[in-house]
């Protein structure tokens, strides 16, 4: 059975919003965006947001909840995503490599159907909503495999319908130009200017410890169940050479230096790494404060 951490990455959008509002921050960039729900929270409260990531499905989700202001899926369009459409020929073996290992035959068949239907959508906004909504189905299935007696059985199309409808309730506009892009931190920070750069930095050897719920969905989006997501990170500063303290410090310093033009840099950390990040921040910004909210949520805030 596949190991599942308690969460893919813990980011509180409301907490980040409080930090921004207390400092008059009107725009924010996150070059390690991940699942962009925290940026959506800021967007819905009038803050201009910019996100970037190396994984394409994160960027697609951002197109649905960050860039998209109005577009949703009507009931008929949701049905066209979650159901096997009459007359359409679907690939039957696209995710056969996962059958009996992670998912059932029926689940793998639906993953293939949803892959084809989502890729047939014409709107980036609708595609992003569907990608993120269906990701919650994958998470549900993986969690149910761990707790089979504690979660009820729900037909795949019904579960997908529910999560897509739930996801698109987050769509909102803020009258600003919000962006997402696929690329490393340097590409994102080089393309936008913002009052603050928010950093939830990858951990040591992050390429080798990617959550199954993350790499599986990138594999699903590409239609390749054997996709090696690790290769996307291998040549980045947080690739396979950040096991030791010195190399991890150098990688962190490279990101902080790339964010040097921003009036604020906000690093989210935990009890294990907060002292390290605070030291590196203070080396660059004398005006640095630290907010210890709990052991897993510590913010290092450097003001220019």
C-alpha atoms as a PDB file:
ATOM      1  CA  UNK A   1       0.000   0.000   0.000  1.00  0.00           C
ATOM      2  CA  UNK A   2       1.316   3.422  -0.924  1.00  0.00           C
ATOM      3  CA  UNK A   3       2.432   5.713   1.886  1.00  0.00           C
ATOM      4  CA  UNK A   4       0.443   8.933   2.295  1.00  0.00           C
ATOM      5  CA  UNK A   5       1.699  11.860   4.382  1.00  0.00           C
ATOM      6  CA  UNK A   6      -0.950  13.670   6.389  1.00  0.00           C
ATOM      7  CA  UNK A   7      -1.126  16.380   3.683  1.00  0.00           C
ATOM      8  CA  UNK A   8       0.601  17.291   0.454  1.00  0.00           C
ATOM      9  CA  UNK A   9       1.733  20.653   1.791  1.00  0.00           C
ATOM     10  CA  UNK A  10       0.157  22.653   4.579  1.00  0.00           C
ATOM     11  CA  UNK A  11      -0.503  26.234   3.566  1.00  0.00           C
ATOM     12  CA  UNK A  12      -3.155  28.332   5.267  1.00  0.00           C
ATOM     13  CA  UNK A  13      -4.538  30.829   2.789  1.00  0.00           C
ATOM     14  CA  UNK A  14      -6.341  32.724   5.541  1.00  0.00           C
ATOM     15  CA  UNK A  15      -3.179  32.949   7.653  1.00  0.00           C
ATOM     16  CA  UNK A  16      -1.226  34.218   4.664  1.00  0.00           C
ATOM     17  CA  UNK A  17      -4.009  36.727   4.009  1.00  0.00           C
ATOM     18  CA  UNK A  18      -3.729  38.015   7.589  1.00  0.00           C
ATOM     19  CA  UNK A  19       0.035  38.508   7.177  1.00  0.00           C
ATOM     20  CA  UNK A  20      -0.480  40.399   3.909  1.00  0.00           C
ATOM     21  CA  UNK A  21      -3.281  42.635   5.170  1.00  0.00           C
ATOM     22  CA  UNK A  22      -1.371  43.548   8.333  1.00  0.00           C
ATOM     23  CA  UNK A  23       1.501  44.830   6.168  1.00  0.00           C
ATOM     24  CA  UNK A  24      -0.451  46.452   3.360  1.00  0.00           C
ATOM     25  CA  UNK A  25       0.740  43.882   0.826  1.00  0.00           C
ATOM     26  CA  UNK A  26      -1.290  44.269  -2.369  1.00  0.00           C
ATOM     27  CA  UNK A  27       0.443  41.735  -4.582  1.00  0.00           C
ATOM     28  CA  UNK A  28       2.249  38.453  -3.988  1.00  0.00           C
ATOM     29  CA  UNK A  29       4.271  35.960  -6.019  1.00  0.00           C
ATOM     30  CA  UNK A  30       4.719  32.289  -5.140  1.00  0.00           C
ATOM     31  CA  UNK A  31       7.345  30.534  -7.306  1.00  0.00           C
ATOM     32  CA  UNK A  32       6.724  27.139  -5.622  1.00  0.00           C
ATOM     33  CA  UNK A  33       2.966  27.341  -5.979  1.00  0.00           C
ATOM     34  CA  UNK A  34       1.779  23.746  -5.743  1.00  0.00           C
ATOM     35  CA  UNK A  35      -1.983  23.410  -5.325  1.00  0.00           C
ATOM     36  CA  UNK A  36      -3.023  27.073  -5.708  1.00  0.00           C
ATOM     37  CA  UNK A  37      -5.913  27.315  -3.275  1.00  0.00           C
ATOM     38  CA  UNK A  38      -3.954  29.691  -1.011  1.00  0.00           C
ATOM     39  CA  UNK A  39      -3.457  32.075  -3.944  1.00  0.00           C
ATOM     40  CA  UNK A  40      -7.158  31.849  -4.672  1.00  0.00           C
ATOM     41  CA  UNK A  41      -7.913  32.977  -1.109  1.00  0.00           C
ATOM     42  CA  UNK A  42      -5.700  36.036  -1.570  1.00  0.00           C
ATOM     43  CA  UNK A  43      -7.217  36.739  -4.984  1.00  0.00           C
ATOM     44  CA  UNK A  44     -10.755  36.659  -3.599  1.00  0.00           C
ATOM     45  CA  UNK A  45      -9.711  39.327  -1.086  1.00  0.00           C
ATOM     46  CA  UNK A  46      -8.379  41.720  -3.704  1.00  0.00           C
ATOM     47  CA  UNK A  47      -4.678  40.827  -3.706  1.00  0.00           C
ATOM     48  CA  UNK A  48      -2.950  40.399  -7.064  1.00  0.00           C
ATOM     49  CA  UNK A  49      -1.318  36.970  -7.187  1.00  0.00           C
ATOM     50  CA  UNK A  50       1.277  35.306  -9.400  1.00  0.00           C
ATOM     51  CA  UNK A  51       2.216  31.636  -9.210  1.00  0.00           C
ATOM     52  CA  UNK A  52       4.734  29.349 -10.823  1.00  0.00           C
ATOM     53  CA  UNK A  53       5.629  25.689 -10.656  1.00  0.00           C
ATOM     54  CA  UNK A  54       7.508  22.987 -12.523  1.00  0.00           C
ATOM     55  CA  UNK A  55       4.563  20.586 -12.619  1.00  0.00           C
ATOM     56  CA  UNK A  56       2.075  21.222 -15.374  1.00  0.00           C
ATOM     57  CA  UNK A  57      -1.005  20.080 -13.489  1.00  0.00           C
ATOM     58  CA  UNK A  58      -0.365  22.683 -10.785  1.00  0.00           C
ATOM     59  CA  UNK A  59      -0.222  25.328 -13.507  1.00  0.00           C
ATOM     60  CA  UNK A  60      -3.436  24.019 -15.071  1.00  0.00           C
ATOM     61  CA  UNK A  61      -5.133  24.198 -11.671  1.00  0.00           C
ATOM     62  CA  UNK A  62      -3.862  27.762 -11.371  1.00  0.00           C
ATOM     63  CA  UNK A  63      -5.443  28.625 -14.694  1.00  0.00           C
ATOM     64  CA  UNK A  64      -8.728  27.494 -13.181  1.00  0.00           C
ATOM     65  CA  UNK A  65      -8.544  29.262  -9.805  1.00  0.00           C
ATOM     66  CA  UNK A  66      -5.951  32.035 -10.179  1.00  0.00           C
ATOM     67  CA  UNK A  67      -6.148  33.322 -13.760  1.00  0.00           C
ATOM     68  CA  UNK A  68      -9.783  32.462 -14.421  1.00  0.00           C
ATOM     69  CA  UNK A  69     -12.269  35.112 -13.293  1.00  0.00           C
ATOM     70  CA  UNK A  70     -15.676  33.970 -14.528  1.00  0.00           C
ATOM     71  CA  UNK A  71     -15.643  30.673 -16.429  1.00  0.00           C
ATOM     72  CA  UNK A  72     -17.274  27.621 -14.848  1.00  0.00           C
ATOM     73  CA  UNK A  73     -18.743  24.372 -16.145  1.00  0.00           C
ATOM     74  CA  UNK A  74     -22.467  24.085 -16.655  1.00  0.00           C
ATOM     75  CA  UNK A  75     -24.170  20.866 -15.551  1.00  0.00           C
ATOM     76  CA  UNK A  76     -24.063  19.463 -19.074  1.00  0.00           C
ATOM     77  CA  UNK A  77     -20.352  20.254 -19.302  1.00  0.00           C
ATOM     78  CA  UNK A  78     -19.616  18.592 -15.966  1.00  0.00           C
ATOM     79  CA  UNK A  79     -21.483  15.532 -17.204  1.00  0.00           C
ATOM     80  CA  UNK A  80     -19.374  15.555 -20.381  1.00  0.00           C
ATOM     81  CA  UNK A  81     -16.265  15.372 -18.202  1.00  0.00           C
ATOM     82  CA  UNK A  82     -17.260  12.723 -15.673  1.00  0.00           C
ATOM     83  CA  UNK A  83     -19.194  10.290 -17.873  1.00  0.00           C
ATOM     84  CA  UNK A  84     -18.169   8.018 -20.728  1.00  0.00           C
ATOM     85  CA  UNK A  85     -19.646   9.773 -23.745  1.00  0.00           C
ATOM     86  CA  UNK A  86     -21.633   7.735 -26.287  1.00  0.00           C
ATOM     87  CA  UNK A  87     -19.838   7.269 -29.588  1.00  0.00           C
ATOM     88  CA  UNK A  88     -16.412   8.264 -28.282  1.00  0.00           C
ATOM     89  CA  UNK A  89     -13.666   5.661 -28.337  1.00  0.00           C
ATOM     90  CA  UNK A  90     -11.615   5.740 -25.159  1.00  0.00           C
ATOM     91  CA  UNK A  91      -8.173   4.223 -24.589  1.00  0.00           C
ATOM     92  CA  UNK A  92      -8.567   1.186 -22.366  1.00  0.00           C
ATOM     93  CA  UNK A  93      -5.002   0.676 -21.209  1.00  0.00           C
ATOM     94  CA  UNK A  94      -3.752   4.211 -20.501  1.00  0.00           C
ATOM     95  CA  UNK A  95      -3.475   3.569 -16.771  1.00  0.00           C
ATOM     96  CA  UNK A  96      -3.317  -0.206 -16.740  1.00  0.00           C
ATOM     97  CA  UNK A  97       0.064   0.040 -15.034  1.00  0.00           C
ATOM     98  CA  UNK A  98      -1.754   1.224 -11.885  1.00  0.00           C
ATOM     99  CA  UNK A  99      -4.409  -1.508 -11.967  1.00  0.00           C
ATOM    100  CA  UNK A 100      -4.209  -3.853  -9.003  1.00  0.00           C
ATOM    101  CA  UNK A 101      -1.338  -1.785  -7.573  1.00  0.00           C
ATOM    102  CA  UNK A 102      -2.977   1.509  -6.659  1.00  0.00           C
ATOM    103  CA  UNK A 103      -6.477   1.325  -8.116  1.00  0.00           C
ATOM    104  CA  UNK A 104      -9.141  -1.103  -9.276  1.00  0.00           C
ATOM    105  CA  UNK A 105      -9.856  -1.914 -12.910  1.00  0.00           C
ATOM    106  CA  UNK A 106     -12.959   0.295 -12.814  1.00  0.00           C
ATOM    107  CA  UNK A 107     -11.058   3.215 -11.312  1.00  0.00           C
ATOM    108  CA  UNK A 108      -8.317   2.941 -13.936  1.00  0.00           C
ATOM    109  CA  UNK A 109     -10.945   2.911 -16.656  1.00  0.00           C
ATOM    110  CA  UNK A 110     -12.471   6.123 -15.304  1.00  0.00           C
ATOM    111  CA  UNK A 111      -9.046   7.754 -15.066  1.00  0.00           C
ATOM    112  CA  UNK A 112      -8.668   7.096 -18.795  1.00  0.00           C
ATOM    113  CA  UNK A 113     -12.125   8.446 -19.570  1.00  0.00           C
ATOM    114  CA  UNK A 114     -11.540  11.610 -17.538  1.00  0.00           C
ATOM    115  CA  UNK A 115      -8.142  12.143 -19.122  1.00  0.00           C
ATOM    116  CA  UNK A 116      -9.692  12.103 -22.593  1.00  0.00           C
ATOM    117  CA  UNK A 117     -12.684  14.248 -21.642  1.00  0.00           C
ATOM    118  CA  UNK A 118     -10.661  16.912 -19.809  1.00  0.00           C
ATOM    119  CA  UNK A 119      -8.190  17.215 -22.672  1.00  0.00           C
ATOM    120  CA  UNK A 120     -11.158  17.820 -24.975  1.00  0.00           C
ATOM    121  CA  UNK A 121     -12.240  20.926 -23.041  1.00  0.00           C
ATOM    122  CA  UNK A 122     -11.657  24.147 -24.967  1.00  0.00           C
ATOM    123  CA  UNK A 123     -11.337  26.578 -22.072  1.00  0.00           C
ATOM    124  CA  UNK A 124      -8.214  26.823 -19.897  1.00  0.00           C
ATOM    125  CA  UNK A 125     -10.410  27.894 -16.998  1.00  0.00           C
ATOM    126  CA  UNK A 126     -12.712  24.894 -17.332  1.00  0.00           C
ATOM    127  CA  UNK A 127      -9.734  22.577 -17.761  1.00  0.00           C
ATOM    128  CA  UNK A 128      -8.143  23.893 -14.578  1.00  0.00           C
ATOM    129  CA  UNK A 129     -11.344  23.452 -12.581  1.00  0.00           C
ATOM    130  CA  UNK A 130     -11.752  19.888 -13.832  1.00  0.00           C
ATOM    131  CA  UNK A 131      -8.110  18.989 -13.203  1.00  0.00           C
ATOM    132  CA  UNK A 132      -8.256  20.172  -9.591  1.00  0.00           C
ATOM    133  CA  UNK A 133     -11.697  18.709  -8.935  1.00  0.00           C
ATOM    134  CA  UNK A 134     -10.712  15.296 -10.260  1.00  0.00           C
ATOM    135  CA  UNK A 135      -7.487  15.390  -8.248  1.00  0.00           C
ATOM    136  CA  UNK A 136      -9.659  15.323  -5.136  1.00  0.00           C
ATOM    137  CA  UNK A 137     -11.168  12.082  -6.449  1.00  0.00           C
ATOM    138  CA  UNK A 138      -7.702  10.564  -6.713  1.00  0.00           C
ATOM    139  CA  UNK A 139      -6.969  11.686  -3.144  1.00  0.00           C
ATOM    140  CA  UNK A 140     -10.253  10.150  -1.980  1.00  0.00           C
ATOM    141  CA  UNK A 141      -9.462   6.815  -3.612  1.00  0.00           C
ATOM    142  CA  UNK A 142      -5.957   6.648  -2.169  1.00  0.00           C
ATOM    143  CA  UNK A 143      -7.233   7.541   1.294  1.00  0.00           C
ATOM    144  CA  UNK A 144     -10.025   4.974   1.077  1.00  0.00           C
ATOM    145  CA  UNK A 145      -7.452   2.289   0.261  1.00  0.00           C
ATOM    146  CA  UNK A 146      -5.940   3.040   3.678  1.00  0.00           C
ATOM    147  CA  UNK A 147      -9.298   3.180   5.468  1.00  0.00           C
ATOM    148  CA  UNK A 148     -11.637   0.899   3.486  1.00  0.00           C
ATOM    149  CA  UNK A 149     -14.149   0.443   6.305  1.00  0.00           C
ATOM    150  CA  UNK A 150     -14.336   4.086   7.328  1.00  0.00           C
ATOM    151  CA  UNK A 151     -15.309   5.636   3.987  1.00  0.00           C
ATOM    152  CA  UNK A 152     -18.421   4.810   2.008  1.00  0.00           C
ATOM    153  CA  UNK A 153     -18.323   3.644  -1.603  1.00  0.00           C
ATOM    154  CA  UNK A 154     -19.349   6.378  -4.039  1.00  0.00           C
ATOM    155  CA  UNK A 155     -19.669   5.757  -7.799  1.00  0.00           C
ATOM    156  CA  UNK A 156     -16.732   7.403  -9.646  1.00  0.00           C
ATOM    157  CA  UNK A 157     -18.837   9.707 -11.805  1.00  0.00           C
ATOM    158  CA  UNK A 158     -20.885  10.861  -8.794  1.00  0.00           C
ATOM    159  CA  UNK A 159     -17.733  11.545  -6.772  1.00  0.00           C
ATOM    160  CA  UNK A 160     -16.168  13.424  -9.689  1.00  0.00           C
ATOM    161  CA  UNK A 161     -19.324  15.491 -10.190  1.00  0.00           C
ATOM    162  CA  UNK A 162     -19.306  16.508  -6.522  1.00  0.00           C
ATOM    163  CA  UNK A 163     -15.657  17.586  -6.463  1.00  0.00           C
ATOM    164  CA  UNK A 164     -15.794  19.529  -9.719  1.00  0.00           C
ATOM    165  CA  UNK A 165     -18.874  21.422  -8.540  1.00  0.00           C
ATOM    166  CA  UNK A 166     -17.194  22.108  -5.192  1.00  0.00           C
ATOM    167  CA  UNK A 167     -14.005  23.341  -6.869  1.00  0.00           C
ATOM    168  CA  UNK A 168     -15.689  25.797  -9.195  1.00  0.00           C
ATOM    169  CA  UNK A 169     -17.373  27.546  -6.287  1.00  0.00           C
ATOM    170  CA  UNK A 170     -13.936  29.101  -5.666  1.00  0.00           C
ATOM    171  CA  UNK A 171     -13.899  30.913  -9.028  1.00  0.00           C
ATOM    172  CA  UNK A 172     -13.938  34.681  -8.499  1.00  0.00           C
ATOM    173  CA  UNK A 173     -12.571  37.883  -9.990  1.00  0.00           C
ATOM    174  CA  UNK A 174     -10.699  40.673  -8.249  1.00  0.00           C
ATOM    175  CA  UNK A 175     -10.291  43.154 -11.087  1.00  0.00           C
ATOM    176  CA  UNK A 176      -6.552  42.431 -11.277  1.00  0.00           C
ATOM    177  CA  UNK A 177      -4.294  40.613 -13.729  1.00  0.00           C
ATOM    178  CA  UNK A 178      -3.376  37.391 -11.946  1.00  0.00           C
ATOM    179  CA  UNK A 179      -0.949  34.984 -13.606  1.00  0.00           C
ATOM    180  CA  UNK A 180       0.530  31.503 -13.432  1.00  0.00           C
ATOM    181  CA  UNK A 181       3.415  30.069 -15.408  1.00  0.00           C
ATOM    182  CA  UNK A 182       5.324  26.848 -15.715  1.00  0.00           C
ATOM    183  CA  UNK A 183       8.969  27.221 -14.785  1.00  0.00           C
ATOM    184  CA  UNK A 184      11.452  27.308 -11.946  1.00  0.00           C
ATOM    185  CA  UNK A 185      11.625  30.038  -9.305  1.00  0.00           C
ATOM    186  CA  UNK A 186      13.970  32.196 -11.383  1.00  0.00           C
ATOM    187  CA  UNK A 187      11.579  32.220 -14.342  1.00  0.00           C
ATOM    188  CA  UNK A 188       8.617  33.207 -12.169  1.00  0.00           C
ATOM    189  CA  UNK A 189      10.399  35.879 -10.139  1.00  0.00           C
ATOM    190  CA  UNK A 190      12.046  37.273 -13.254  1.00  0.00           C
ATOM    191  CA  UNK A 191       8.690  37.715 -14.979  1.00  0.00           C
ATOM    192  CA  UNK A 192       6.669  39.506 -12.278  1.00  0.00           C
ATOM    193  CA  UNK A 193       7.007  42.241  -9.698  1.00  0.00           C
ATOM    194  CA  UNK A 194       5.123  41.961  -6.434  1.00  0.00           C
ATOM    195  CA  UNK A 195       5.013  43.526  -2.984  1.00  0.00           C
ATOM    196  CA  UNK A 196       5.848  40.153  -1.461  1.00  0.00           C
ATOM    197  CA  UNK A 197       7.389  36.850  -2.443  1.00  0.00           C
ATOM    198  CA  UNK A 198       5.988  33.902  -0.520  1.00  0.00           C
ATOM    199  CA  UNK A 199       8.179  30.812  -0.188  1.00  0.00           C
ATOM    200  CA  UNK A 200       7.219  27.345   0.996  1.00  0.00           C
ATOM    201  CA  UNK A 201      10.580  25.922   0.015  1.00  0.00           C
ATOM    202  CA  UNK A 202      11.125  22.309  -1.022  1.00  0.00           C
ATOM    203  CA  UNK A 203      12.732  20.151   1.619  1.00  0.00           C
ATOM    204  CA  UNK A 204      15.994  18.287   1.357  1.00  0.00           C
ATOM    205  CA  UNK A 205      16.038  15.746  -1.476  1.00  0.00           C
ATOM    206  CA  UNK A 206      12.583  16.967  -2.423  1.00  0.00           C
ATOM    207  CA  UNK A 207      12.825  15.315  -5.844  1.00  0.00           C
ATOM    208  CA  UNK A 208      13.003  11.898  -4.204  1.00  0.00           C
ATOM    209  CA  UNK A 209      10.180  12.523  -1.738  1.00  0.00           C
ATOM    210  CA  UNK A 210       7.362  13.777  -3.929  1.00  0.00           C
ATOM    211  CA  UNK A 211       3.951  12.934  -2.513  1.00  0.00           C
ATOM    212  CA  UNK A 212       2.180  10.186  -4.457  1.00  0.00           C
ATOM    213  CA  UNK A 213      -0.889  12.397  -4.833  1.00  0.00           C
ATOM    214  CA  UNK A 214       1.287  14.942  -6.621  1.00  0.00           C
ATOM    215  CA  UNK A 215       3.351  12.785  -8.982  1.00  0.00           C
ATOM    216  CA  UNK A 216       0.388  10.559  -9.840  1.00  0.00           C
ATOM    217  CA  UNK A 217      -1.652  13.521 -11.025  1.00  0.00           C
ATOM    218  CA  UNK A 218       1.174  14.820 -13.187  1.00  0.00           C
ATOM    219  CA  UNK A 219       1.362  11.313 -14.670  1.00  0.00           C
ATOM    220  CA  UNK A 220      -2.402  11.333 -15.176  1.00  0.00           C
ATOM    221  CA  UNK A 221      -2.327  14.716 -16.907  1.00  0.00           C
ATOM    222  CA  UNK A 222       0.390  13.561 -19.309  1.00  0.00           C
ATOM    223  CA  UNK A 223      -1.315  10.218 -19.890  1.00  0.00           C
ATOM    224  CA  UNK A 224       1.814   8.313 -18.858  1.00  0.00           C
ATOM    225  CA  UNK A 225       1.419   6.162 -15.749  1.00  0.00           C
ATOM    226  CA  UNK A 226       5.180   5.495 -15.788  1.00  0.00           C
ATOM    227  CA  UNK A 227       6.180   9.168 -15.805  1.00  0.00           C
ATOM    228  CA  UNK A 228       9.295   9.922 -13.768  1.00  0.00           C
ATOM    229  CA  UNK A 229       8.530  13.277 -12.157  1.00  0.00           C
ATOM    230  CA  UNK A 230      11.871  13.300 -10.341  1.00  0.00           C
ATOM    231  CA  UNK A 231      13.658  14.232 -13.566  1.00  0.00           C
ATOM    232  CA  UNK A 232      11.832  17.594 -13.630  1.00  0.00           C
ATOM    233  CA  UNK A 233      13.542  18.570 -10.383  1.00  0.00           C
ATOM    234  CA  UNK A 234      16.923  16.941 -10.881  1.00  0.00           C
ATOM    235  CA  UNK A 235      18.621  19.950 -12.479  1.00  0.00           C
ATOM    236  CA  UNK A 236      17.106  22.578 -10.170  1.00  0.00           C
ATOM    237  CA  UNK A 237      18.833  24.053  -7.111  1.00  0.00           C
ATOM    238  CA  UNK A 238      16.698  21.769  -4.940  1.00  0.00           C
ATOM    239  CA  UNK A 239      17.529  18.685  -6.992  1.00  0.00           C
ATOM    240  CA  UNK A 240      19.373  15.624  -5.794  1.00  0.00           C
ATOM    241  CA  UNK A 241      22.313  17.478  -4.225  1.00  0.00           C
ATOM    242  CA  UNK A 242      20.674  19.178  -1.234  1.00  0.00           C
ATOM    243  CA  UNK A 243      21.079  16.410   1.352  1.00  0.00           C
ATOM    244  CA  UNK A 244      23.731  18.253   3.364  1.00  0.00           C
ATOM    245  CA  UNK A 245      23.257  21.526   5.224  1.00  0.00           C
ATOM    246  CA  UNK A 246      25.696  23.557   3.126  1.00  0.00           C
ATOM    247  CA  UNK A 247      24.140  22.687  -0.231  1.00  0.00           C
ATOM    248  CA  UNK A 248      20.631  23.261   1.113  1.00  0.00           C
ATOM    249  CA  UNK A 249      21.715  26.666   2.424  1.00  0.00           C
ATOM    250  CA  UNK A 250      23.120  27.541  -0.999  1.00  0.00           C
ATOM    251  CA  UNK A 251      19.873  26.543  -2.692  1.00  0.00           C
ATOM    252  CA  UNK A 252      17.830  28.614  -0.254  1.00  0.00           C
ATOM    253  CA  UNK A 253      20.174  31.581  -0.663  1.00  0.00           C
ATOM    254  CA  UNK A 254      19.774  31.417  -4.447  1.00  0.00           C
ATOM    255  CA  UNK A 255      16.005  31.777  -4.074  1.00  0.00           C
ATOM    256  CA  UNK A 256      16.270  34.616  -1.560  1.00  0.00           C
ATOM    257  CA  UNK A 257      18.669  36.470  -3.842  1.00  0.00           C
ATOM    258  CA  UNK A 258      16.268  36.039  -6.770  1.00  0.00           C
ATOM    259  CA  UNK A 259      13.547  37.640  -4.616  1.00  0.00           C
ATOM    260  CA  UNK A 260      15.783  40.533  -3.541  1.00  0.00           C
ATOM    261  CA  UNK A 261      13.790  43.222  -5.372  1.00  0.00           C
ATOM    262  CA  UNK A 262      10.577  42.445  -3.490  1.00  0.00           C
ATOM    263  CA  UNK A 263       9.761  44.693  -0.501  1.00  0.00           C
ATOM    264  CA  UNK A 264       8.757  41.628   1.534  1.00  0.00           C
ATOM    265  CA  UNK A 265       9.888  38.004   1.563  1.00  0.00           C
ATOM    266  CA  UNK A 266       7.757  35.576   3.569  1.00  0.00           C
ATOM    267  CA  UNK A 267       9.100  32.085   4.258  1.00  0.00           C
ATOM    268  CA  UNK A 268       6.806  29.462   5.740  1.00  0.00           C
ATOM    269  CA  UNK A 269       8.704  26.883   7.763  1.00  0.00           C
ATOM    270  CA  UNK A 270       8.507  24.509  10.712  1.00  0.00           C
ATOM    271  CA  UNK A 271      10.365  23.933  13.947  1.00  0.00           C
ATOM    272  CA  UNK A 272      13.070  21.902  12.233  1.00  0.00           C
ATOM    273  CA  UNK A 273      14.150  24.503   9.663  1.00  0.00           C
ATOM    274  CA  UNK A 274      12.945  27.861  10.979  1.00  0.00           C
ATOM    275  CA  UNK A 275      16.245  28.809  12.639  1.00  0.00           C
ATOM    276  CA  UNK A 276      18.121  28.124   9.403  1.00  0.00           C
ATOM    277  CA  UNK A 277      15.753  30.233   7.321  1.00  0.00           C
ATOM    278  CA  UNK A 278      15.765  33.038   9.878  1.00  0.00           C
ATOM    279  CA  UNK A 279      19.576  33.141   9.802  1.00  0.00           C
ATOM    280  CA  UNK A 280      19.661  33.253   6.007  1.00  0.00           C
ATOM    281  CA  UNK A 281      16.984  35.950   5.930  1.00  0.00           C
ATOM    282  CA  UNK A 282      18.744  38.135   8.506  1.00  0.00           C
ATOM    283  CA  UNK A 283      21.952  37.915   6.486  1.00  0.00           C
ATOM    284  CA  UNK A 284      20.048  39.737   3.735  1.00  0.00           C
ATOM    285  CA  UNK A 285      17.478  41.817   5.602  1.00  0.00           C
ATOM    286  CA  UNK A 286      18.117  43.383   8.985  1.00  0.00           C
ATOM    287  CA  UNK A 287      14.389  44.051   9.382  1.00  0.00           C
ATOM    288  CA  UNK A 288      13.294  40.448   9.940  1.00  0.00           C
ATOM    289  CA  UNK A 289      10.551  39.162  12.199  1.00  0.00           C
ATOM    290  CA  UNK A 290       9.423  35.673  13.108  1.00  0.00           C
ATOM    291  CA  UNK A 291       5.899  34.462  13.848  1.00  0.00           C
ATOM    292  CA  UNK A 292       5.710  31.068  15.584  1.00  0.00           C
ATOM    293  CA  UNK A 293       2.090  29.985  15.276  1.00  0.00           C
ATOM    294  CA  UNK A 294       2.713  26.301  15.980  1.00  0.00           C
ATOM    295  CA  UNK A 295       5.481  23.763  15.405  1.00  0.00           C
ATOM    296  CA  UNK A 296       4.449  23.204  11.792  1.00  0.00           C
ATOM    297  CA  UNK A 297       3.600  26.808  10.928  1.00  0.00           C
ATOM    298  CA  UNK A 298       6.338  29.350  11.469  1.00  0.00           C
ATOM    299  CA  UNK A 299       6.739  32.441   9.302  1.00  0.00           C
ATOM    300  CA  UNK A 300       9.994  34.303   8.692  1.00  0.00           C
ATOM    301  CA  UNK A 301       9.215  37.762   7.286  1.00  0.00           C
ATOM    302  CA  UNK A 302      11.941  39.975   5.895  1.00  0.00           C
ATOM    303  CA  UNK A 303      11.228  43.600   5.001  1.00  0.00           C
ATOM    304  CA  UNK A 304      13.475  45.495   2.617  1.00  0.00           C
END
